[in-house]
PDB file of all heavy atoms in Angstrom:
ATOM      1  N   ASN A   1       1.712   0.409 -11.237  1.00  0.00           N
ATOM      2  CA  ASN A   1       2.282   1.746 -11.393  1.00  0.00           C
ATOM      3  C   ASN A   1       3.099   1.768 -12.682  1.00  0.00           C
ATOM      4  O   ASN A   1       4.251   1.323 -12.716  1.00  0.00           O
ATOM      5  CB  ASN A   1       3.143   2.107 -10.190  1.00  0.00           C
ATOM      6  CG  ASN A   1       3.531   3.567 -10.178  1.00  0.00           C
ATOM      7  OD1 ASN A   1       3.468   4.257 -11.192  1.00  0.00           O
ATOM      8  ND2 ASN A   1       3.967   4.039  -9.014  1.00  0.00           N
ATOM      9  N   SER A   2       2.507   2.278 -13.735  1.00  0.00           N
ATOM     10  CA  SER A   2       3.184   2.312 -15.037  1.00  0.00           C
ATOM     11  C   SER A   2       3.895   3.632 -15.309  1.00  0.00           C
ATOM     12  O   SER A   2       4.663   3.743 -16.270  1.00  0.00           O
ATOM     13  CB  SER A   2       2.173   2.045 -16.157  1.00  0.00           C
ATOM     14  OG  SER A   2       1.136   3.034 -16.142  1.00  0.00           O
ATOM     15  N   LYS A   3       3.652   4.641 -14.466  1.00  0.00           N
ATOM     16  CA  LYS A   3       4.230   5.977 -14.706  1.00  0.00           C
ATOM     17  C   LYS A   3       5.435   6.264 -13.819  1.00  0.00           C
ATOM     18  O   LYS A   3       6.080   7.320 -13.964  1.00  0.00           O
ATOM     19  CB  LYS A   3       3.158   7.038 -14.467  1.00  0.00           C
ATOM     20  CG  LYS A   3       1.992   6.932 -15.420  1.00  0.00           C
ATOM     21  CD  LYS A   3       0.967   8.041 -15.170  1.00  0.00           C
ATOM     22  CE  LYS A   3      -0.208   7.934 -16.142  1.00  0.00           C
ATOM     23  NZ  LYS A   3      -1.197   9.014 -15.920  1.00  0.00           N
ATOM     24  N   GLY A   4       5.749   5.403 -12.882  1.00  0.00           N
ATOM     25  CA  GLY A   4       6.906   5.610 -12.028  1.00  0.00           C
ATOM     26  C   GLY A   4       6.725   6.723 -11.014  1.00  0.00           C
ATOM     27  O   GLY A   4       7.715   7.298 -10.550  1.00  0.00           O
ATOM     28  N   LEU A   5       5.497   6.999 -10.637  1.00  0.00           N
ATOM     29  CA  LEU A   5       5.224   8.031  -9.642  1.00  0.00           C
ATOM     30  C   LEU A   5       5.064   7.402  -8.259  1.00  0.00           C
ATOM     31  O   LEU A   5       4.832   6.192  -8.121  1.00  0.00           O
ATOM     32  CB  LEU A   5       3.942   8.791 -10.016  1.00  0.00           C
ATOM     33  CG  LEU A   5       3.942   9.468 -11.395  1.00  0.00           C
ATOM     34  CD1 LEU A   5       2.589  10.090 -11.678  1.00  0.00           C
ATOM     35  CD2 LEU A   5       5.057  10.518 -11.475  1.00  0.00           C
ATOM     36  N   PHE A   6       5.180   8.240  -7.215  1.00  0.00           N
ATOM     37  CA  PHE A   6       4.968   7.734  -5.864  1.00  0.00           C
ATOM     38  C   PHE A   6       3.497   7.338  -5.691  1.00  0.00           C
ATOM     39  O   PHE A   6       2.596   8.140  -5.968  1.00  0.00           O
ATOM     40  CB  PHE A   6       5.326   8.798  -4.821  1.00  0.00           C
ATOM     41  CG  PHE A   6       6.797   9.004  -4.647  1.00  0.00           C
ATOM     42  CD1 PHE A   6       7.400  10.220  -4.980  1.00  0.00           C
ATOM     43  CD2 PHE A   6       7.595   7.996  -4.136  1.00  0.00           C
ATOM     44  CE1 PHE A   6       8.762  10.424  -4.822  1.00  0.00           C
ATOM     45  CE2 PHE A   6       8.953   8.188  -3.972  1.00  0.00           C
ATOM     46  CZ  PHE A   6       9.544   9.401  -4.317  1.00  0.00           C
ATOM     47  N   GLN A   7       3.302   6.121  -5.228  1.00  0.00           N
ATOM     48  CA  GLN A   7       1.960   5.636  -4.905  1.00  0.00           C
ATOM     49  C   GLN A   7       2.002   4.918  -3.562  1.00  0.00           C
ATOM     50  O   GLN A   7       3.030   4.332  -3.194  1.00  0.00           O
ATOM     51  CB  GLN A   7       1.437   4.704  -5.998  1.00  0.00           C
ATOM     52  CG  GLN A   7       1.117   5.407  -7.303  1.00  0.00           C
ATOM     53  CD  GLN A   7       0.462   4.496  -8.319  1.00  0.00           C
ATOM     54  OE1 GLN A   7       0.465   3.283  -8.147  1.00  0.00           O
ATOM     55  NE2 GLN A   7      -0.090   5.057  -9.378  1.00  0.00           N
ATOM     56  N   VAL A   8       0.871   4.955  -2.891  1.00  0.00           N
ATOM     57  CA  VAL A   8       0.786   4.320  -1.572  1.00  0.00           C
ATOM     58  C   VAL A   8      -0.168   3.122  -1.659  1.00  0.00           C
ATOM     59  O   VAL A   8      -1.321   3.255  -2.091  1.00  0.00           O
ATOM     60  CB  VAL A   8       0.285   5.307  -0.499  1.00  0.00           C
ATOM     61  CG1 VAL A   8       0.117   4.580   0.841  1.00  0.00           C
ATOM     62  CG2 VAL A   8       1.258   6.460  -0.362  1.00  0.00           C
ATOM     63  N   VAL A   9       0.341   1.983  -1.278  1.00  0.00           N
ATOM     64  CA  VAL A   9      -0.485   0.772  -1.146  1.00  0.00           C
ATOM     65  C   VAL A   9      -0.809   0.605   0.329  1.00  0.00           C
ATOM     66  O   VAL A   9       0.102   0.580   1.173  1.00  0.00           O
ATOM     67  CB  VAL A   9       0.252  -0.472  -1.676  1.00  0.00           C
ATOM     68  CG1 VAL A   9      -0.623  -1.702  -1.502  1.00  0.00           C
ATOM     69  CG2 VAL A   9       0.638  -0.278  -3.118  1.00  0.00           C
ATOM     70  N   SER A  10      -2.092   0.528   0.653  1.00  0.00           N
ATOM     71  CA  SER A  10      -2.499   0.423   2.063  1.00  0.00           C
ATOM     72  C   SER A  10      -3.498  -0.701   2.243  1.00  0.00           C
ATOM     73  O   SER A  10      -4.176  -1.122   1.291  1.00  0.00           O
ATOM     74  CB  SER A  10      -3.109   1.751   2.541  1.00  0.00           C
ATOM     75  OG  SER A  10      -4.283   2.053   1.794  1.00  0.00           O
ATOM     76  N   GLY A  11      -3.573  -1.187   3.458  1.00  0.00           N
ATOM     77  CA  GLY A  11      -4.534  -2.246   3.797  1.00  0.00           C
ATOM     78  C   GLY A  11      -4.668  -2.376   5.300  1.00  0.00           C
ATOM     79  O   GLY A  11      -3.830  -1.885   6.061  1.00  0.00           O
ATOM     80  N   GLY A  12      -5.741  -3.022   5.713  1.00  0.00           N
ATOM     81  CA  GLY A  12      -5.972  -3.223   7.148  1.00  0.00           C
ATOM     82  C   GLY A  12      -6.946  -4.357   7.379  1.00  0.00           C
ATOM     83  O   GLY A  12      -7.724  -4.729   6.492  1.00  0.00           O
ATOM     84  N   THR A  13      -6.924  -4.921   8.581  1.00  0.00           N
ATOM     85  CA  THR A  13      -7.830  -6.003   8.920  1.00  0.00           C
ATOM     86  C   THR A  13      -7.893  -6.168  10.434  1.00  0.00           C
ATOM     87  O   THR A  13      -7.029  -5.670  11.174  1.00  0.00           O
ATOM     88  CB  THR A  13      -7.366  -7.337   8.291  1.00  0.00           C
ATOM     89  OG1 THR A  13      -8.343  -8.352   8.539  1.00  0.00           O
ATOM     90  CG2 THR A  13      -6.041  -7.796   8.889  1.00  0.00           C
ATOM     91  N   VAL A  14      -8.945  -6.868  10.905  1.00  0.00           N
ATOM     92  CA  VAL A  14      -9.101  -7.210  12.317  1.00  0.00           C
ATOM     93  C   VAL A  14      -8.890  -8.710  12.461  1.00  0.00           C
ATOM     94  O   VAL A  14      -9.509  -9.507  11.730  1.00  0.00           O
ATOM     95  CB  VAL A  14     -10.499  -6.810  12.839  1.00  0.00           C
ATOM     96  CG1 VAL A  14     -10.684  -7.313  14.276  1.00  0.00           C
ATOM     97  CG2 VAL A  14     -10.682  -5.306  12.769  1.00  0.00           C
ATOM     98  N   LEU A  15      -8.043  -9.118  13.382  1.00  0.00           N
ATOM     99  CA  LEU A  15      -7.729 -10.535  13.599  1.00  0.00           C
ATOM    100  C   LEU A  15      -7.941 -10.900  15.058  1.00  0.00           C
ATOM    101  O   LEU A  15      -7.638 -10.104  15.957  1.00  0.00           O
ATOM    102  CB  LEU A  15      -6.280 -10.830  13.209  1.00  0.00           C
ATOM    103  CG  LEU A  15      -5.889 -10.613  11.740  1.00  0.00           C
ATOM    104  CD1 LEU A  15      -4.392 -10.849  11.563  1.00  0.00           C
ATOM    105  CD2 LEU A  15      -6.690 -11.522  10.826  1.00  0.00           C
ATOM    106  N   GLN A  16      -8.445 -12.100  15.273  1.00  0.00           N
ATOM    107  CA  GLN A  16      -8.518 -12.653  16.630  1.00  0.00           C
ATOM    108  C   GLN A  16      -7.273 -13.501  16.861  1.00  0.00           C
ATOM    109  O   GLN A  16      -7.018 -14.456  16.116  1.00  0.00           O
ATOM    110  CB  GLN A  16      -9.766 -13.503  16.823  1.00  0.00           C
ATOM    111  CG  GLN A  16      -9.896 -14.060  18.239  1.00  0.00           C
ATOM    112  CD  GLN A  16     -11.113 -14.962  18.407  1.00  0.00           C
ATOM    113  OE1 GLN A  16     -11.778 -15.309  17.426  1.00  0.00           O
ATOM    114  NE2 GLN A  16     -11.405 -15.344  19.632  1.00  0.00           N
ATOM    115  N   LEU A  17      -6.519 -13.155  17.882  1.00  0.00           N
ATOM    116  CA  LEU A  17      -5.246 -13.819  18.139  1.00  0.00           C
ATOM    117  C   LEU A  17      -5.233 -14.492  19.508  1.00  0.00           C
ATOM    118  O   LEU A  17      -5.915 -14.051  20.437  1.00  0.00           O
ATOM    119  CB  LEU A  17      -4.094 -12.809  18.057  1.00  0.00           C
ATOM    120  CG  LEU A  17      -3.951 -12.032  16.736  1.00  0.00           C
ATOM    121  CD1 LEU A  17      -2.786 -11.066  16.839  1.00  0.00           C
ATOM    122  CD2 LEU A  17      -3.770 -12.991  15.570  1.00  0.00           C
ATOM    123  N   GLN A  18      -4.440 -15.546  19.591  1.00  0.00           N
ATOM    124  CA  GLN A  18      -4.182 -16.238  20.848  1.00  0.00           C
ATOM    125  C   GLN A  18      -2.733 -15.973  21.258  1.00  0.00           C
ATOM    126  O   GLN A  18      -1.934 -15.441  20.480  1.00  0.00           O
ATOM    127  CB  GLN A  18      -4.434 -17.743  20.698  1.00  0.00           C
ATOM    128  CG  GLN A  18      -5.847 -18.101  20.278  1.00  0.00           C
ATOM    129  CD  GLN A  18      -6.881 -17.704  21.309  1.00  0.00           C
ATOM    130  OE1 GLN A  18      -6.598 -17.707  22.514  1.00  0.00           O
ATOM    131  NE2 GLN A  18      -8.081 -17.359  20.851  1.00  0.00           N
ATOM    132  N   HIS A  19      -2.427 -16.341  22.460  1.00  0.00           N
ATOM    133  CA  HIS A  19      -1.074 -16.109  22.975  1.00  0.00           C
ATOM    134  C   HIS A  19      -0.043 -16.822  22.096  1.00  0.00           C
ATOM    135  O   HIS A  19      -0.157 -18.012  21.811  1.00  0.00           O
ATOM    136  CB  HIS A  19      -0.964 -16.627  24.407  1.00  0.00           C
ATOM    137  CG  HIS A  19       0.334 -16.275  25.070  1.00  0.00           C
ATOM    138  ND1 HIS A  19       1.467 -17.032  24.918  1.00  0.00           N
ATOM    139  CD2 HIS A  19       0.681 -15.228  25.868  1.00  0.00           C
ATOM    140  CE1 HIS A  19       2.453 -16.497  25.600  1.00  0.00           C
ATOM    141  NE2 HIS A  19       2.006 -15.391  26.195  1.00  0.00           N
ATOM    142  N   GLY A  20       0.962 -16.073  21.653  1.00  0.00           N
ATOM    143  CA  GLY A  20       2.019 -16.635  20.826  1.00  0.00           C
ATOM    144  C   GLY A  20       1.790 -16.488  19.335  1.00  0.00           C
ATOM    145  O   GLY A  20       2.718 -16.745  18.540  1.00  0.00           O
ATOM    146  N   ASP A  21       0.593 -16.104  18.878  1.00  0.00           N
ATOM    147  CA  ASP A  21       0.347 -15.900  17.456  1.00  0.00           C
ATOM    148  C   ASP A  21       1.177 -14.713  16.947  1.00  0.00           C
ATOM    149  O   ASP A  21       1.488 -13.783  17.705  1.00  0.00           O
ATOM    150  CB  ASP A  21      -1.133 -15.644  17.183  1.00  0.00           C
ATOM    151  CG  ASP A  21      -1.986 -16.877  17.468  1.00  0.00           C
ATOM    152  OD1 ASP A  21      -1.401 -17.949  17.699  1.00  0.00           O
ATOM    153  OD2 ASP A  21      -3.227 -16.752  17.449  1.00  0.00           O
ATOM    154  N   GLN A  22       1.503 -14.722  15.644  1.00  0.00           N
ATOM    155  CA  GLN A  22       2.331 -13.673  15.050  1.00  0.00           C
ATOM    156  C   GLN A  22       1.640 -13.080  13.824  1.00  0.00           C
ATOM    157  O   GLN A  22       0.880 -13.771  13.131  1.00  0.00           O
ATOM    158  CB  GLN A  22       3.699 -14.226  14.654  1.00  0.00           C
ATOM    159  CG  GLN A  22       4.502 -14.776  15.821  1.00  0.00           C
ATOM    160  CD  GLN A  22       5.883 -15.241  15.397  1.00  0.00           C
ATOM    161  OE1 GLN A  22       6.352 -14.936  14.298  1.00  0.00           O
ATOM    162  NE2 GLN A  22       6.552 -15.968  16.296  1.00  0.00           N
ATOM    163  N   VAL A  23       1.937 -11.795  13.560  1.00  0.00           N
ATOM    164  CA  VAL A  23       1.393 -11.082  12.399  1.00  0.00           C
ATOM    165  C   VAL A  23       2.535 -10.285  11.770  1.00  0.00           C
ATOM    166  O   VAL A  23       3.337  -9.660  12.487  1.00  0.00           O
ATOM    167  CB  VAL A  23       0.235 -10.142  12.800  1.00  0.00           C
ATOM    168  CG1 VAL A  23      -0.282  -9.388  11.577  1.00  0.00           C
ATOM    169  CG2 VAL A  23      -0.891 -10.927  13.457  1.00  0.00           C
ATOM    170  N   TRP A  24       2.616 -10.279  10.434  1.00  0.00           N
ATOM    171  CA  TRP A  24       3.650  -9.533   9.729  1.00  0.00           C
ATOM    172  C   TRP A  24       3.166  -9.202   8.308  1.00  0.00           C
ATOM    173  O   TRP A  24       2.158  -9.732   7.839  1.00  0.00           O
ATOM    174  CB  TRP A  24       4.961 -10.309   9.697  1.00  0.00           C
ATOM    175  CG  TRP A  24       4.926 -11.568   8.871  1.00  0.00           C
ATOM    176  CD1 TRP A  24       5.280 -11.721   7.564  1.00  0.00           C
ATOM    177  CD2 TRP A  24       4.486 -12.863   9.312  1.00  0.00           C
ATOM    178  NE1 TRP A  24       5.104 -13.011   7.158  1.00  0.00           N
ATOM    179  CE2 TRP A  24       4.617 -13.735   8.217  1.00  0.00           C
ATOM    180  CE3 TRP A  24       4.002 -13.363  10.528  1.00  0.00           C
ATOM    181  CZ2 TRP A  24       4.283 -15.086   8.291  1.00  0.00           C
ATOM    182  CZ3 TRP A  24       3.668 -14.696  10.608  1.00  0.00           C
ATOM    183  CH2 TRP A  24       3.805 -15.548   9.496  1.00  0.00           C
ATOM    184  N   ILE A  25       3.936  -8.345   7.607  1.00  0.00           N
ATOM    185  CA  ILE A  25       3.658  -7.971   6.228  1.00  0.00           C
ATOM    186  C   ILE A  25       4.652  -8.691   5.331  1.00  0.00           C
ATOM    187  O   ILE A  25       5.868  -8.730   5.619  1.00  0.00           O
ATOM    188  CB  ILE A  25       3.777  -6.444   6.016  1.00  0.00           C
ATOM    189  CG1 ILE A  25       2.880  -5.700   7.018  1.00  0.00           C
ATOM    190  CG2 ILE A  25       3.396  -6.069   4.590  1.00  0.00           C
ATOM    191  CD1 ILE A  25       1.418  -6.007   6.905  1.00  0.00           C
ATOM    192  N   GLU A  26       4.149  -9.279   4.244  1.00  0.00           N
ATOM    193  CA  GLU A  26       5.007 -10.023   3.328  1.00  0.00           C
ATOM    194  C   GLU A  26       4.780  -9.517   1.902  1.00  0.00           C
ATOM    195  O   GLU A  26       3.647  -9.237   1.497  1.00  0.00           O
ATOM    196  CB  GLU A  26       4.688 -11.522   3.431  1.00  0.00           C
ATOM    197  CG  GLU A  26       5.734 -12.407   2.791  1.00  0.00           C
ATOM    198  CD  GLU A  26       5.560 -13.871   3.170  1.00  0.00           C
ATOM    199  OE1 GLU A  26       5.645 -14.191   4.387  1.00  0.00           O
ATOM    200  OE2 GLU A  26       5.335 -14.682   2.254  1.00  0.00           O
ATOM    201  N   LYS A  27       5.866  -9.401   1.129  1.00  0.00           N
ATOM    202  CA  LYS A  27       5.787  -8.894  -0.241  1.00  0.00           C
ATOM    203  C   LYS A  27       5.885 -10.027  -1.248  1.00  0.00           C
ATOM    204  O   LYS A  27       6.423 -11.106  -0.963  1.00  0.00           O
ATOM    205  CB  LYS A  27       6.904  -7.886  -0.494  1.00  0.00           C
ATOM    206  CG  LYS A  27       8.311  -8.467  -0.347  1.00  0.00           C
ATOM    207  CD  LYS A  27       9.365  -7.384  -0.519  1.00  0.00           C
ATOM    208  CE  LYS A  27      10.776  -7.966  -0.361  1.00  0.00           C
ATOM    209  NZ  LYS A  27      11.827  -6.938  -0.499  1.00  0.00           N
ATOM    210  N   ASP A  28       5.360  -9.757  -2.450  1.00  0.00           N
ATOM    211  CA  ASP A  28       5.434 -10.730  -3.536  1.00  0.00           C
ATOM    212  C   ASP A  28       6.886 -10.795  -4.032  1.00  0.00           C
ATOM    213  O   ASP A  28       7.552  -9.761  -4.176  1.00  0.00           O
ATOM    214  CB  ASP A  28       4.499 -10.315  -4.682  1.00  0.00           C
ATOM    215  CG  ASP A  28       4.450 -11.349  -5.772  1.00  0.00           C
ATOM    216  OD1 ASP A  28       5.277 -11.260  -6.694  1.00  0.00           O
ATOM    217  OD2 ASP A  28       3.578 -12.233  -5.706  1.00  0.00           O
ATOM    218  N   PRO A  29       7.419 -12.000  -4.305  1.00  0.00           N
ATOM    219  CA  PRO A  29       8.827 -12.101  -4.726  1.00  0.00           C
ATOM    220  C   PRO A  29       9.127 -11.337  -6.016  1.00  0.00           C
ATOM    221  O   PRO A  29      10.257 -10.845  -6.201  1.00  0.00           O
ATOM    222  CB  PRO A  29       9.033 -13.609  -4.903  1.00  0.00           C
ATOM    223  CG  PRO A  29       7.986 -14.243  -4.043  1.00  0.00           C
ATOM    224  CD  PRO A  29       6.808 -13.324  -4.099  1.00  0.00           C
ATOM    225  N   THR A  30       8.144 -11.228  -6.908  1.00  0.00           N
ATOM    226  CA  THR A  30       8.392 -10.550  -8.185  1.00  0.00           C
ATOM    227  C   THR A  30       7.834  -9.130  -8.223  1.00  0.00           C
ATOM    228  O   THR A  30       8.252  -8.324  -9.061  1.00  0.00           O
ATOM    229  CB  THR A  30       7.777 -11.369  -9.341  1.00  0.00           C
ATOM    230  OG1 THR A  30       6.363 -11.522  -9.124  1.00  0.00           O
ATOM    231  CG2 THR A  30       8.424 -12.743  -9.407  1.00  0.00           C
ATOM    232  N   LYS A  31       6.870  -8.848  -7.359  1.00  0.00           N
ATOM    233  CA  LYS A  31       6.269  -7.515  -7.319  1.00  0.00           C
ATOM    234  C   LYS A  31       6.293  -7.014  -5.879  1.00  0.00           C
ATOM    235  O   LYS A  31       5.254  -6.880  -5.240  1.00  0.00           O
ATOM    236  CB  LYS A  31       4.840  -7.535  -7.835  1.00  0.00           C
ATOM    237  CG  LYS A  31       4.716  -7.944  -9.296  1.00  0.00           C
ATOM    238  CD  LYS A  31       3.259  -7.946  -9.739  1.00  0.00           C
ATOM    239  CE  LYS A  31       3.129  -8.341 -11.207  1.00  0.00           C
ATOM    240  NZ  LYS A  31       1.715  -8.329 -11.651  1.00  0.00           N
ATOM    241  N   GLY A  32       7.477  -6.746  -5.377  1.00  0.00           N
ATOM    242  CA  GLY A  32       7.584  -6.337  -3.989  1.00  0.00           C
ATOM    243  C   GLY A  32       8.618  -5.245  -3.749  1.00  0.00           C
ATOM    244  O   GLY A  32       9.138  -5.128  -2.634  1.00  0.00           O
ATOM    245  N   ARG A  33       8.884  -4.444  -4.759  1.00  0.00           N
ATOM    246  CA  ARG A  33       9.898  -3.398  -4.600  1.00  0.00           C
ATOM    247  C   ARG A  33       9.293  -2.198  -3.874  1.00  0.00           C
ATOM    248  O   ARG A  33       8.295  -1.623  -4.294  1.00  0.00           O
ATOM    249  CB  ARG A  33      10.438  -2.967  -5.958  1.00  0.00           C
ATOM    250  CG  ARG A  33      11.631  -2.025  -5.862  1.00  0.00           C
ATOM    251  CD  ARG A  33      12.171  -1.758  -7.252  1.00  0.00           C
ATOM    252  NE  ARG A  33      13.280  -0.786  -7.193  1.00  0.00           N
ATOM    253  CZ  ARG A  33      13.904  -0.318  -8.265  1.00  0.00           C
ATOM    254  NH1 ARG A  33      13.547  -0.738  -9.493  1.00  0.00           N
ATOM    255  NH2 ARG A  33      14.890   0.554  -8.136  1.00  0.00           N
ATOM    256  N   ILE A  34       9.892  -1.822  -2.743  1.00  0.00           N
ATOM    257  CA  ILE A  34       9.392  -0.740  -1.891  1.00  0.00           C
ATOM    258  C   ILE A  34      10.369   0.435  -1.977  1.00  0.00           C
ATOM    259  O   ILE A  34      11.601   0.246  -1.962  1.00  0.00           O
ATOM    260  CB  ILE A  34       9.234  -1.218  -0.435  1.00  0.00           C
ATOM    261  CG1 ILE A  34       8.247  -2.394  -0.367  1.00  0.00           C
ATOM    262  CG2 ILE A  34       8.758  -0.085   0.463  1.00  0.00           C
ATOM    263  CD1 ILE A  34       8.143  -3.031   1.000  1.00  0.00           C
ATOM    264  N   TYR A  35       9.804   1.622  -2.041  1.00  0.00           N
ATOM    265  CA  TYR A  35      10.653   2.829  -2.113  1.00  0.00           C
ATOM    266  C   TYR A  35      11.392   3.023  -0.789  1.00  0.00           C
ATOM    267  O   TYR A  35      10.833   2.860   0.286  1.00  0.00           O
ATOM    268  CB  TYR A  35       9.804   4.068  -2.420  1.00  0.00           C
ATOM    269  CG  TYR A  35      10.579   5.353  -2.321  1.00  0.00           C
ATOM    270  CD1 TYR A  35      11.450   5.754  -3.342  1.00  0.00           C
ATOM    271  CD2 TYR A  35      10.466   6.166  -1.193  1.00  0.00           C
ATOM    272  CE1 TYR A  35      12.178   6.928  -3.247  1.00  0.00           C
ATOM    273  CE2 TYR A  35      11.190   7.352  -1.089  1.00  0.00           C
ATOM    274  CZ  TYR A  35      12.042   7.716  -2.117  1.00  0.00           C
ATOM    275  OH  TYR A  35      12.768   8.894  -2.008  1.00  0.00           O
ATOM    276  N   GLN A  36      12.669   3.372  -0.906  1.00  0.00           N
ATOM    277  CA  GLN A  36      13.489   3.613   0.265  1.00  0.00           C
ATOM    278  C   GLN A  36      14.168   4.970   0.091  1.00  0.00           C
ATOM    279  O   GLN A  36      15.071   5.131  -0.726  1.00  0.00           O
ATOM    280  CB  GLN A  36      14.550   2.510   0.414  1.00  0.00           C
ATOM    281  CG  GLN A  36      15.308   2.557   1.722  1.00  0.00           C
ATOM    282  CD  GLN A  36      14.407   2.215   2.916  1.00  0.00           C
ATOM    283  OE1 GLN A  36      13.547   1.344   2.821  1.00  0.00           O
ATOM    284  NE2 GLN A  36      14.597   2.933   4.006  1.00  0.00           N
ATOM    285  N   GLY A  37      13.722   6.004   0.849  1.00  0.00           N
ATOM    286  CA  GLY A  37      14.309   7.327   0.737  1.00  0.00           C
ATOM    287  C   GLY A  37      13.724   8.265   1.777  1.00  0.00           C
ATOM    288  O   GLY A  37      12.870   7.874   2.583  1.00  0.00           O
ATOM    289  N   SER A  38      14.221   9.515   1.760  1.00  0.00           N
ATOM    290  CA  SER A  38      13.788  10.480   2.768  1.00  0.00           C
ATOM    291  C   SER A  38      12.505  11.204   2.398  1.00  0.00           C
ATOM    292  O   SER A  38      11.932  11.918   3.225  1.00  0.00           O
ATOM    293  CB  SER A  38      14.909  11.523   2.988  1.00  0.00           C
ATOM    294  OG  SER A  38      15.206  12.196   1.748  1.00  0.00           O
ATOM    295  N   GLU A  39      12.030  11.059   1.156  1.00  0.00           N
ATOM    296  CA  GLU A  39      10.846  11.777   0.741  1.00  0.00           C
ATOM    297  C   GLU A  39       9.562  11.233   1.367  1.00  0.00           C
ATOM    298  O   GLU A  39       8.607  11.991   1.597  1.00  0.00           O
ATOM    299  CB  GLU A  39      10.707  11.750  -0.791  1.00  0.00           C
ATOM    300  CG  GLU A  39      11.759  12.544  -1.522  1.00  0.00           C
ATOM    301  CD  GLU A  39      12.996  11.713  -1.793  1.00  0.00           C
ATOM    302  OE1 GLU A  39      13.081  10.589  -1.239  1.00  0.00           O
ATOM    303  OE2 GLU A  39      13.891  12.157  -2.528  1.00  0.00           O
ATOM    304  N   ALA A  40       9.493   9.924   1.583  1.00  0.00           N
ATOM    305  CA  ALA A  40       8.258   9.303   2.089  1.00  0.00           C
ATOM    306  C   ALA A  40       8.610   8.092   2.941  1.00  0.00           C
ATOM    307  O   ALA A  40       9.640   7.434   2.725  1.00  0.00           O
ATOM    308  CB  ALA A  40       7.341   8.914   0.931  1.00  0.00           C
ATOM    309  N   ASP A  41       7.731   7.799   3.900  1.00  0.00           N
ATOM    310  CA  ASP A  41       7.927   6.649   4.801  1.00  0.00           C
ATOM    311  C   ASP A  41       6.809   5.618   4.603  1.00  0.00           C
ATOM    312  O   ASP A  41       5.664   5.963   4.308  1.00  0.00           O
ATOM    313  CB  ASP A  41       7.919   7.103   6.263  1.00  0.00           C
ATOM    314  CG  ASP A  41       9.166   7.910   6.626  1.00  0.00           C
ATOM    315  OD1 ASP A  41      10.256   7.534   6.162  1.00  0.00           O
ATOM    316  OD2 ASP A  41       9.033   8.900   7.374  1.00  0.00           O
ATOM    317  N   SER A  42       7.184   4.378   4.825  1.00  0.00           N
ATOM    318  CA  SER A  42       6.208   3.278   4.884  1.00  0.00           C
ATOM    319  C   SER A  42       6.053   2.891   6.343  1.00  0.00           C
ATOM    320  O   SER A  42       7.039   2.821   7.089  1.00  0.00           O
ATOM    321  CB  SER A  42       6.698   2.084   4.061  1.00  0.00           C
ATOM    322  OG  SER A  42       6.821   2.449   2.693  1.00  0.00           O
TER     323      SER A  42
END
C-alpha cells in the first residue's frame, strides 16, 4: 500500500484438526501494522 488508502487483506483455508490443536493469525514483525479505528473493522 503505497498510497496510504484503506485496503483489506483477506485469506482463508481448510484445516484438519485434532483435539487440542490451535489456530491463530500472526503478523510480520516489520510489515504488520493494522488499522485501528471506528471507520472499519478487522
